[in-house]
Full PDB file with SEQRES, HELIX, SHEET, SSBOND, CRYST1, ORIGX, SCALE, CONECT and MASTER records, all heavy atoms in Angstrom:
SEQRES   1 A   34  ILE PHE LYS THR GLU GLU GLY HIS GLN ALA ILE LEU ASP          
SEQRES   2 A   34  LYS MET TYR GLU ILE LYS LYS ALA LEU GLU ALA GLN GLY          
SEQRES   3 A   34  HIS SER VAL LYS VAL ASP ASP ARG                              
HELIX    1 AA1 GLU A    5  ALA A   24  1                                  20    
CRYST1    1.000    1.000    1.000  90.00  90.00  90.00 P 1           1          
ORIGX1      1.000000  0.000000  0.000000        0.00000                         
ORIGX2      0.000000  1.000000  0.000000        0.00000                         
ORIGX3      0.000000  0.000000  1.000000        0.00000                         
SCALE1      1.000000  0.000000  0.000000        0.00000                         
SCALE2      0.000000  1.000000  0.000000        0.00000                         
SCALE3      0.000000  0.000000  1.000000        0.00000                         
ATOM      1  N   ILE A   1     -33.645 -55.036 -74.284  1.00  0.00           N  
ATOM      2  CA  ILE A   1     -34.921 -55.636 -74.684  1.00  0.00           C  
ATOM      3  C   ILE A   1     -34.590 -56.984 -75.328  1.00  0.00           C  
ATOM      4  O   ILE A   1     -33.859 -57.026 -76.321  1.00  0.00           O  
ATOM      5  CB  ILE A   1     -35.671 -54.729 -75.671  1.00  0.00           C  
ATOM      6  CG1 ILE A   1     -35.886 -53.330 -75.059  1.00  0.00           C  
ATOM      7  CG2 ILE A   1     -37.009 -55.339 -76.064  1.00  0.00           C  
ATOM      8  CD1 ILE A   1     -36.406 -52.295 -76.032  1.00  0.00           C  
ATOM      9  N   PHE A   2     -35.109 -58.058 -74.768  1.00  0.00           N  
ATOM     10  CA  PHE A   2     -34.663 -59.378 -75.228  1.00  0.00           C  
ATOM     11  C   PHE A   2     -35.793 -60.406 -75.135  1.00  0.00           C  
ATOM     12  O   PHE A   2     -36.764 -60.238 -74.398  1.00  0.00           O  
ATOM     13  CB  PHE A   2     -33.474 -59.841 -74.393  1.00  0.00           C  
ATOM     14  CG  PHE A   2     -33.777 -59.912 -72.921  1.00  0.00           C  
ATOM     15  CD1 PHE A   2     -34.235 -61.088 -72.338  1.00  0.00           C  
ATOM     16  CD2 PHE A   2     -33.638 -58.787 -72.106  1.00  0.00           C  
ATOM     17  CE1 PHE A   2     -34.534 -61.153 -70.991  1.00  0.00           C  
ATOM     18  CE2 PHE A   2     -33.936 -58.847 -70.752  1.00  0.00           C  
ATOM     19  CZ  PHE A   2     -34.391 -60.034 -70.195  1.00  0.00           C  
ATOM     20  N   LYS A   3     -35.611 -61.485 -75.859  1.00  0.00           N  
ATOM     21  CA  LYS A   3     -36.556 -62.610 -75.821  1.00  0.00           C  
ATOM     22  C   LYS A   3     -35.888 -63.876 -75.298  1.00  0.00           C  
ATOM     23  O   LYS A   3     -36.534 -64.730 -74.712  1.00  0.00           O  
ATOM     24  CB  LYS A   3     -37.130 -62.856 -77.220  1.00  0.00           C  
ATOM     25  CG  LYS A   3     -38.024 -61.719 -77.714  1.00  0.00           C  
ATOM     26  CD  LYS A   3     -38.567 -62.020 -79.104  1.00  0.00           C  
ATOM     27  CE  LYS A   3     -39.467 -60.894 -79.589  1.00  0.00           C  
ATOM     28  NZ  LYS A   3     -39.971 -61.143 -80.979  1.00  0.00           N  
ATOM     29  N   THR A   4     -34.581 -64.008 -75.564  1.00  0.00           N  
ATOM     30  CA  THR A   4     -33.865 -65.208 -75.131  1.00  0.00           C  
ATOM     31  C   THR A   4     -32.774 -64.838 -74.153  1.00  0.00           C  
ATOM     32  O   THR A   4     -32.263 -63.706 -74.153  1.00  0.00           O  
ATOM     33  CB  THR A   4     -33.228 -65.920 -76.331  1.00  0.00           C  
ATOM     34  OG1 THR A   4     -32.179 -65.088 -76.861  1.00  0.00           O  
ATOM     35  CG2 THR A   4     -34.260 -66.193 -77.417  1.00  0.00           C  
ATOM     36  N   GLU A   5     -32.409 -65.764 -73.304  1.00  0.00           N  
ATOM     37  CA  GLU A   5     -31.350 -65.506 -72.330  1.00  0.00           C  
ATOM     38  C   GLU A   5     -30.009 -65.280 -73.019  1.00  0.00           C  
ATOM     39  O   GLU A   5     -29.205 -64.468 -72.584  1.00  0.00           O  
ATOM     40  CB  GLU A   5     -31.246 -66.680 -71.350  1.00  0.00           C  
ATOM     41  CG  GLU A   5     -30.369 -66.373 -70.138  1.00  0.00           C  
ATOM     42  CD  GLU A   5     -30.805 -65.098 -69.416  1.00  0.00           C  
ATOM     43  OE1 GLU A   5     -32.023 -64.874 -69.241  1.00  0.00           O  
ATOM     44  OE2 GLU A   5     -29.911 -64.297 -69.043  1.00  0.00           O  
ATOM     45  N   GLU A   6     -29.816 -66.001 -74.128  1.00  0.00           N  
ATOM     46  CA  GLU A   6     -28.578 -65.815 -74.882  1.00  0.00           C  
ATOM     47  C   GLU A   6     -28.505 -64.402 -75.457  1.00  0.00           C  
ATOM     48  O   GLU A   6     -27.473 -63.731 -75.392  1.00  0.00           O  
ATOM     49  CB  GLU A   6     -28.506 -66.855 -76.009  1.00  0.00           C  
ATOM     50  CG  GLU A   6     -27.215 -66.782 -76.812  1.00  0.00           C  
ATOM     51  CD  GLU A   6     -27.193 -67.785 -77.964  1.00  0.00           C  
ATOM     52  OE1 GLU A   6     -28.160 -68.566 -78.103  1.00  0.00           O  
ATOM     53  OE2 GLU A   6     -26.220 -67.772 -78.732  1.00  0.00           O  
ATOM     54  N   GLY A   7     -29.638 -63.957 -76.011  1.00  0.00           N  
ATOM     55  CA  GLY A   7     -29.696 -62.591 -76.544  1.00  0.00           C  
ATOM     56  C   GLY A   7     -29.543 -61.559 -75.454  1.00  0.00           C  
ATOM     57  O   GLY A   7     -28.881 -60.521 -75.644  1.00  0.00           O  
ATOM     58  N   HIS A   8     -30.125 -61.821 -74.293  1.00  0.00           N  
ATOM     59  CA  HIS A   8     -30.015 -60.927 -73.145  1.00  0.00           C  
ATOM     60  C   HIS A   8     -28.559 -60.693 -72.773  1.00  0.00           C  
ATOM     61  O   HIS A   8     -28.097 -59.546 -72.613  1.00  0.00           O  
ATOM     62  CB  HIS A   8     -30.783 -61.547 -71.968  1.00  0.00           C  
ATOM     63  CG  HIS A   8     -30.766 -60.718 -70.723  1.00  0.00           C  
ATOM     64  ND1 HIS A   8     -31.021 -61.246 -69.480  1.00  0.00           N  
ATOM     65  CD2 HIS A   8     -30.511 -59.395 -70.512  1.00  0.00           C  
ATOM     66  CE1 HIS A   8     -30.938 -60.298 -68.575  1.00  0.00           C  
ATOM     67  NE2 HIS A   8     -30.630 -59.162 -69.179  1.00  0.00           N  
ATOM     68  N   GLN A   9     -27.797 -61.763 -72.655  1.00  0.00           N  
ATOM     69  CA  GLN A   9     -26.406 -61.646 -72.247  1.00  0.00           C  
ATOM     70  C   GLN A   9     -25.569 -60.922 -73.294  1.00  0.00           C  
ATOM     71  O   GLN A   9     -24.709 -60.099 -72.972  1.00  0.00           O  
ATOM     72  CB  GLN A   9     -25.810 -63.031 -71.979  1.00  0.00           C  
ATOM     73  CG  GLN A   9     -24.429 -62.975 -71.326  1.00  0.00           C  
ATOM     74  CD  GLN A   9     -24.427 -62.194 -70.034  1.00  0.00           C  
ATOM     75  OE1 GLN A   9     -25.230 -62.449 -69.140  1.00  0.00           O  
ATOM     76  NE2 GLN A   9     -23.537 -61.204 -69.932  1.00  0.00           N  
ATOM     77  N   ALA A  10     -25.853 -61.215 -74.563  1.00  0.00           N  
ATOM     78  CA  ALA A  10     -25.096 -60.552 -75.633  1.00  0.00           C  
ATOM     79  C   ALA A  10     -25.357 -59.036 -75.633  1.00  0.00           C  
ATOM     80  O   ALA A  10     -24.440 -58.228 -75.839  1.00  0.00           O  
ATOM     81  CB  ALA A  10     -25.480 -61.163 -76.980  1.00  0.00           C  
ATOM     82  N   ILE A  11     -26.631 -58.653 -75.396  1.00  0.00           N  
ATOM     83  CA  ILE A  11     -26.976 -57.225 -75.321  1.00  0.00           C  
ATOM     84  C   ILE A  11     -26.281 -56.575 -74.134  1.00  0.00           C  
ATOM     85  O   ILE A  11     -25.721 -55.473 -74.244  1.00  0.00           O  
ATOM     86  CB  ILE A  11     -28.507 -57.045 -75.238  1.00  0.00           C  
ATOM     87  CG1 ILE A  11     -29.175 -57.449 -76.549  1.00  0.00           C  
ATOM     88  CG2 ILE A  11     -28.860 -55.596 -74.898  1.00  0.00           C  
ATOM     89  CD1 ILE A  11     -30.680 -57.584 -76.470  1.00  0.00           C  
ATOM     90  N   LEU A  12     -26.311 -57.254 -72.995  1.00  0.00           N  
ATOM     91  CA  LEU A  12     -25.656 -56.703 -71.805  1.00  0.00           C  
ATOM     92  C   LEU A  12     -24.164 -56.514 -72.037  1.00  0.00           C  
ATOM     93  O   LEU A  12     -23.582 -55.502 -71.625  1.00  0.00           O  
ATOM     94  CB  LEU A  12     -25.889 -57.607 -70.596  1.00  0.00           C  
ATOM     95  CG  LEU A  12     -27.275 -57.566 -69.962  1.00  0.00           C  
ATOM     96  CD1 LEU A  12     -27.323 -58.497 -68.753  1.00  0.00           C  
ATOM     97  CD2 LEU A  12     -27.666 -56.152 -69.540  1.00  0.00           C  
ATOM     98  N   ASP A  13     -23.538 -57.471 -72.667  1.00  0.00           N  
ATOM     99  CA  ASP A  13     -22.097 -57.346 -72.946  1.00  0.00           C  
ATOM    100  C   ASP A  13     -21.819 -56.090 -73.764  1.00  0.00           C  
ATOM    101  O   ASP A  13     -20.861 -55.347 -73.488  1.00  0.00           O  
ATOM    102  CB  ASP A  13     -21.599 -58.581 -73.704  1.00  0.00           C  
ATOM    103  CG  ASP A  13     -21.567 -59.830 -72.836  1.00  0.00           C  
ATOM    104  OD1 ASP A  13     -21.639 -59.686 -71.588  1.00  0.00           O  
ATOM    105  OD2 ASP A  13     -21.494 -60.944 -73.398  1.00  0.00           O  
ATOM    106  N   LYS A  14     -22.656 -55.848 -74.772  1.00  0.00           N  
ATOM    107  CA  LYS A  14     -22.465 -54.657 -75.615  1.00  0.00           C  
ATOM    108  C   LYS A  14     -22.742 -53.379 -74.820  1.00  0.00           C  
ATOM    109  O   LYS A  14     -22.015 -52.386 -74.941  1.00  0.00           O  
ATOM    110  CB  LYS A  14     -23.390 -54.737 -76.830  1.00  0.00           C  
ATOM    111  CG  LYS A  14     -23.197 -53.587 -77.834  1.00  0.00           C  
ATOM    112  CD  LYS A  14     -21.776 -53.600 -78.409  1.00  0.00           C  
ATOM    113  CE  LYS A  14     -21.557 -52.484 -79.412  1.00  0.00           C  
ATOM    114  NZ  LYS A  14     -20.159 -52.470 -79.916  1.00  0.00           N  
ATOM    115  N   MET A  15     -23.788 -53.411 -73.983  1.00  0.00           N  
ATOM    116  CA  MET A  15     -24.127 -52.229 -73.187  1.00  0.00           C  
ATOM    117  C   MET A  15     -23.018 -51.878 -72.200  1.00  0.00           C  
ATOM    118  O   MET A  15     -22.681 -50.698 -72.027  1.00  0.00           O  
ATOM    119  CB  MET A  15     -25.450 -52.452 -72.444  1.00  0.00           C  
ATOM    120  CG  MET A  15     -26.671 -52.317 -73.340  1.00  0.00           C  
ATOM    121  SD  MET A  15     -28.221 -52.363 -72.414  1.00  0.00           S  
ATOM    122  CE  MET A  15     -29.355 -51.707 -73.654  1.00  0.00           C  
ATOM    123  N   TYR A  16     -22.447 -52.863 -71.565  1.00  0.00           N  
ATOM    124  CA  TYR A  16     -21.372 -52.581 -70.615  1.00  0.00           C  
ATOM    125  C   TYR A  16     -20.111 -52.096 -71.330  1.00  0.00           C  
ATOM    126  O   TYR A  16     -19.326 -51.318 -70.772  1.00  0.00           O  
ATOM    127  CB  TYR A  16     -21.087 -53.808 -69.746  1.00  0.00           C  
ATOM    128  CG  TYR A  16     -22.072 -53.932 -68.604  1.00  0.00           C  
ATOM    129  CD1 TYR A  16     -23.091 -54.876 -68.629  1.00  0.00           C  
ATOM    130  CD2 TYR A  16     -22.002 -53.061 -67.508  1.00  0.00           C  
ATOM    131  CE1 TYR A  16     -24.022 -54.961 -67.597  1.00  0.00           C  
ATOM    132  CE2 TYR A  16     -22.925 -53.141 -66.477  1.00  0.00           C  
ATOM    133  CZ  TYR A  16     -23.930 -54.092 -66.522  1.00  0.00           C  
ATOM    134  OH  TYR A  16     -24.847 -54.165 -65.497  1.00  0.00           O  
ATOM    135  N   GLU A  17     -19.948 -52.492 -72.557  1.00  0.00           N  
ATOM    136  CA  GLU A  17     -18.839 -51.979 -73.372  1.00  0.00           C  
ATOM    137  C   GLU A  17     -19.054 -50.481 -73.635  1.00  0.00           C  
ATOM    138  O   GLU A  17     -18.121 -49.664 -73.511  1.00  0.00           O  
ATOM    139  CB  GLU A  17     -18.778 -52.760 -74.691  1.00  0.00           C  
ATOM    140  CG  GLU A  17     -17.681 -52.316 -75.640  1.00  0.00           C  
ATOM    141  CD  GLU A  17     -17.778 -53.031 -76.987  1.00  0.00           C  
ATOM    142  OE1 GLU A  17     -18.015 -54.264 -76.992  1.00  0.00           O  
ATOM    143  OE2 GLU A  17     -17.647 -52.355 -78.038  1.00  0.00           O  
ATOM    144  N   ILE A  18     -20.290 -50.127 -74.032  1.00  0.00           N  
ATOM    145  CA  ILE A  18     -20.615 -48.710 -74.273  1.00  0.00           C  
ATOM    146  C   ILE A  18     -20.523 -47.925 -72.969  1.00  0.00           C  
ATOM    147  O   ILE A  18     -20.014 -46.788 -72.944  1.00  0.00           O  
ATOM    148  CB  ILE A  18     -22.030 -48.588 -74.889  1.00  0.00           C  
ATOM    149  CG1 ILE A  18     -22.078 -49.269 -76.250  1.00  0.00           C  
ATOM    150  CG2 ILE A  18     -22.446 -47.116 -75.001  1.00  0.00           C  
ATOM    151  CD1 ILE A  18     -23.489 -49.418 -76.821  1.00  0.00           C  
ATOM    152  N   LYS A  19     -21.015 -48.491 -71.874  1.00  0.00           N  
ATOM    153  CA  LYS A  19     -20.965 -47.844 -70.553  1.00  0.00           C  
ATOM    154  C   LYS A  19     -19.529 -47.498 -70.178  1.00  0.00           C  
ATOM    155  O   LYS A  19     -19.240 -46.385 -69.724  1.00  0.00           O  
ATOM    156  CB  LYS A  19     -21.585 -48.768 -69.505  1.00  0.00           C  
ATOM    157  CG  LYS A  19     -21.607 -48.220 -68.070  1.00  0.00           C  
ATOM    158  CD  LYS A  19     -22.333 -49.209 -67.157  1.00  0.00           C  
ATOM    159  CE  LYS A  19     -22.538 -48.655 -65.759  1.00  0.00           C  
ATOM    160  NZ  LYS A  19     -21.301 -48.642 -64.955  1.00  0.00           N  
ATOM    161  N   LYS A  20     -18.631 -48.445 -70.382  1.00  0.00           N  
ATOM    162  CA  LYS A  20     -17.218 -48.216 -70.043  1.00  0.00           C  
ATOM    163  C   LYS A  20     -16.639 -47.058 -70.860  1.00  0.00           C  
ATOM    164  O   LYS A  20     -15.905 -46.211 -70.340  1.00  0.00           O  
ATOM    165  CB  LYS A  20     -16.422 -49.496 -70.284  1.00  0.00           C  
ATOM    166  CG  LYS A  20     -14.961 -49.412 -69.864  1.00  0.00           C  
ATOM    167  CD  LYS A  20     -14.245 -50.740 -70.065  1.00  0.00           C  
ATOM    168  CE  LYS A  20     -12.780 -50.635 -69.652  1.00  0.00           C  
ATOM    169  NZ  LYS A  20     -12.065 -51.935 -69.863  1.00  0.00           N  
ATOM    170  N   ALA A  21     -16.996 -47.017 -72.143  1.00  0.00           N  
ATOM    171  CA  ALA A  21     -16.495 -45.943 -73.014  1.00  0.00           C  
ATOM    172  C   ALA A  21     -17.036 -44.585 -72.587  1.00  0.00           C  
ATOM    173  O   ALA A  21     -16.304 -43.579 -72.583  1.00  0.00           O  
ATOM    174  CB  ALA A  21     -16.872 -46.234 -74.465  1.00  0.00           C  
ATOM    175  N   LEU A  22     -18.328 -44.529 -72.207  1.00  0.00           N  
ATOM    176  CA  LEU A  22     -18.923 -43.271 -71.769  1.00  0.00           C  
ATOM    177  C   LEU A  22     -18.339 -42.823 -70.431  1.00  0.00           C  
ATOM    178  O   LEU A  22     -18.080 -41.633 -70.219  1.00  0.00           O  
ATOM    179  CB  LEU A  22     -20.443 -43.410 -71.672  1.00  0.00           C  
ATOM    180  CG  LEU A  22     -21.213 -43.339 -72.989  1.00  0.00           C  
ATOM    181  CD1 LEU A  22     -22.640 -43.821 -72.805  1.00  0.00           C  
ATOM    182  CD2 LEU A  22     -21.197 -41.917 -73.549  1.00  0.00           C  
ATOM    183  N   GLU A  23     -18.146 -43.759 -69.518  1.00  0.00           N  
ATOM    184  CA  GLU A  23     -17.574 -43.411 -68.212  1.00  0.00           C  
ATOM    185  C   GLU A  23     -16.155 -42.898 -68.357  1.00  0.00           C  
ATOM    186  O   GLU A  23     -15.712 -42.040 -67.586  1.00  0.00           O  
ATOM    187  CB  GLU A  23     -17.634 -44.625 -67.288  1.00  0.00           C  
ATOM    188  CG  GLU A  23     -19.050 -44.930 -66.815  1.00  0.00           C  
ATOM    189  CD  GLU A  23     -19.148 -46.195 -65.986  1.00  0.00           C  
ATOM    190  OE1 GLU A  23     -18.228 -47.037 -66.070  1.00  0.00           O  
ATOM    191  OE2 GLU A  23     -20.152 -46.346 -65.252  1.00  0.00           O  
ATOM    192  N   ALA A  24     -15.437 -43.384 -69.362  1.00  0.00           N  
ATOM    193  CA  ALA A  24     -14.074 -42.902 -69.615  1.00  0.00           C  
ATOM    194  C   ALA A  24     -14.090 -41.436 -70.035  1.00  0.00           C  
ATOM    195  O   ALA A  24     -13.087 -40.727 -69.873  1.00  0.00           O  
ATOM    196  CB  ALA A  24     -13.413 -43.755 -70.695  1.00  0.00           C  
ATOM    197  N   GLN A  25     -15.237 -40.978 -70.561  1.00  0.00           N  
ATOM    198  CA  GLN A  25     -15.379 -39.568 -70.946  1.00  0.00           C  
ATOM    199  C   GLN A  25     -16.007 -38.731 -69.826  1.00  0.00           C  
ATOM    200  O   GLN A  25     -16.338 -37.569 -70.028  1.00  0.00           O  
ATOM    201  CB  GLN A  25     -16.227 -39.463 -72.220  1.00  0.00           C  
ATOM    202  CG  GLN A  25     -15.593 -40.151 -73.418  1.00  0.00           C  
ATOM    203  CD  GLN A  25     -16.362 -39.875 -74.702  1.00  0.00           C  
ATOM    204  OE1 GLN A  25     -16.433 -38.730 -75.181  1.00  0.00           O  
ATOM    205  NE2 GLN A  25     -16.928 -40.917 -75.287  1.00  0.00           N  
ATOM    206  N   GLY A  26     -16.190 -39.355 -68.663  1.00  0.00           N  
ATOM    207  CA  GLY A  26     -16.672 -38.619 -67.491  1.00  0.00           C  
ATOM    208  C   GLY A  26     -18.177 -38.629 -67.299  1.00  0.00           C  
ATOM    209  O   GLY A  26     -18.696 -37.839 -66.502  1.00  0.00           O  
ATOM    210  N   HIS A  27     -18.901 -39.485 -67.978  1.00  0.00           N  
ATOM    211  CA  HIS A  27     -20.360 -39.503 -67.883  1.00  0.00           C  
ATOM    212  C   HIS A  27     -20.840 -40.573 -66.907  1.00  0.00           C  
ATOM    213  O   HIS A  27     -20.217 -41.629 -66.760  1.00  0.00           O  
ATOM    214  CB  HIS A  27     -20.979 -39.720 -69.260  1.00  0.00           C  
ATOM    215  CG  HIS A  27     -20.605 -38.665 -70.248  1.00  0.00           C  
ATOM    216  ND1 HIS A  27     -20.871 -37.326 -70.040  1.00  0.00           N  
ATOM    217  CD2 HIS A  27     -19.949 -38.742 -71.437  1.00  0.00           C  
ATOM    218  CE1 HIS A  27     -20.412 -36.628 -71.066  1.00  0.00           C  
ATOM    219  NE2 HIS A  27     -19.846 -37.465 -71.923  1.00  0.00           N  
ATOM    220  N   SER A  28     -21.977 -40.299 -66.267  1.00  0.00           N  
ATOM    221  CA  SER A  28     -22.582 -41.263 -65.348  1.00  0.00           C  
ATOM    222  C   SER A  28     -23.616 -42.088 -66.115  1.00  0.00           C  
ATOM    223  O   SER A  28     -24.497 -41.532 -66.773  1.00  0.00           O  
ATOM    224  CB  SER A  28     -23.238 -40.543 -64.167  1.00  0.00           C  
ATOM    225  OG  SER A  28     -24.150 -39.567 -64.618  1.00  0.00           O  
ATOM    226  N   VAL A  29     -23.491 -43.416 -66.019  1.00  0.00           N  
ATOM    227  CA  VAL A  29     -24.292 -44.322 -66.838  1.00  0.00           C  
ATOM    228  C   VAL A  29     -24.856 -45.435 -65.966  1.00  0.00           C  
ATOM    229  O   VAL A  29     -24.185 -45.941 -65.067  1.00  0.00           O  
ATOM    230  CB  VAL A  29     -23.426 -44.952 -67.963  1.00  0.00           C  
ATOM    231  CG1 VAL A  29     -24.294 -45.798 -68.896  1.00  0.00           C  
ATOM    232  CG2 VAL A  29     -22.684 -43.875 -68.747  1.00  0.00           C  
ATOM    233  N   LYS A  30     -26.100 -45.830 -66.257  1.00  0.00           N  
ATOM    234  CA  LYS A  30     -26.725 -46.945 -65.561  1.00  0.00           C  
ATOM    235  C   LYS A  30     -27.319 -47.905 -66.579  1.00  0.00           C  
ATOM    236  O   LYS A  30     -28.020 -47.487 -67.504  1.00  0.00           O  
ATOM    237  CB  LYS A  30     -27.832 -46.459 -64.622  1.00  0.00           C  
ATOM    238  CG  LYS A  30     -28.544 -47.601 -63.863  1.00  0.00           C  
ATOM    239  CD  LYS A  30     -29.605 -47.077 -62.928  1.00  0.00           C  
ATOM    240  CE  LYS A  30     -30.323 -48.207 -62.213  1.00  0.00           C  
ATOM    241  NZ  LYS A  30     -29.424 -49.009 -61.344  1.00  0.00           N  
ATOM    242  N   VAL A  31     -27.018 -49.202 -66.400  1.00  0.00           N  
ATOM    243  CA  VAL A  31     -27.681 -50.244 -67.175  1.00  0.00           C  
ATOM    244  C   VAL A  31     -28.828 -50.781 -66.320  1.00  0.00           C  
ATOM    245  O   VAL A  31     -28.598 -51.322 -65.233  1.00  0.00           O  
ATOM    246  CB  VAL A  31     -26.707 -51.374 -67.546  1.00  0.00           C  
ATOM    247  CG1 VAL A  31     -27.447 -52.500 -68.268  1.00  0.00           C  
ATOM    248  CG2 VAL A  31     -25.568 -50.845 -68.429  1.00  0.00           C  
ATOM    249  N   ASP A  32     -30.050 -50.582 -66.780  1.00  0.00           N  
ATOM    250  CA  ASP A  32     -31.225 -51.013 -66.013  1.00  0.00           C  
ATOM    251  C   ASP A  32     -31.595 -52.435 -66.430  1.00  0.00           C  
ATOM    252  O   ASP A  32     -32.348 -52.657 -67.374  1.00  0.00           O  
ATOM    253  CB  ASP A  32     -32.398 -50.057 -66.257  1.00  0.00           C  
ATOM    254  CG  ASP A  32     -33.602 -50.398 -65.379  1.00  0.00           C  
ATOM    255  OD1 ASP A  32     -33.556 -51.440 -64.689  1.00  0.00           O  
ATOM    256  OD2 ASP A  32     -34.575 -49.626 -65.386  1.00  0.00           O  
ATOM    257  N   ASP A  33     -31.047 -53.390 -65.673  1.00  0.00           N  
ATOM    258  CA  ASP A  33     -31.264 -54.790 -66.008  1.00  0.00           C  
ATOM    259  C   ASP A  33     -32.246 -55.461 -65.041  1.00  0.00           C  
ATOM    260  O   ASP A  33     -32.187 -56.673 -64.832  1.00  0.00           O  
ATOM    261  CB  ASP A  33     -29.922 -55.538 -66.008  1.00  0.00           C  
ATOM    262  CG  ASP A  33     -30.042 -56.922 -66.635  1.00  0.00           C  
ATOM    263  OD1 ASP A  33     -30.871 -57.076 -67.549  1.00  0.00           O  
ATOM    264  OD2 ASP A  33     -29.320 -57.844 -66.183  1.00  0.00           O  
ATOM    265  N   ARG A  34     -33.143 -54.675 -64.428  1.00  0.00           N  
ATOM    266  CA  ARG A  34     -34.128 -55.270 -63.531  1.00  0.00           C  
ATOM    267  C   ARG A  34     -35.045 -56.207 -64.317  1.00  0.00           C  
ATOM    268  O   ARG A  34     -35.658 -55.787 -65.294  1.00  0.00           O  
ATOM    269  CB  ARG A  34     -34.954 -54.173 -62.851  1.00  0.00           C  
ATOM    270  CG  ARG A  34     -34.158 -53.318 -61.864  1.00  0.00           C  
ATOM    271  CD  ARG A  34     -35.003 -52.154 -61.354  1.00  0.00           C  
ATOM    272  NE  ARG A  34     -35.272 -51.186 -62.415  1.00  0.00           N  
ATOM    273  CZ  ARG A  34     -36.076 -50.122 -62.276  1.00  0.00           C  
ATOM    274  NH1 ARG A  34     -36.685 -49.921 -61.118  1.00  0.00           N  
ATOM    275  NH2 ARG A  34     -36.275 -49.289 -63.275  1.00  0.00           N  
TER     276      ARG A  34                                                      
MASTER        0    0    0    1    0    0    0    6  275    1    0    3          
END                                                                             
């Protein structure tokens, strides 16, 4: 959830970091960036 493009990218970076950690534990994860 974002208002600025800069904020959008920073949030995505954090989400993909969390996604990688969850996938390492065997979980299926999707970042919905539509």
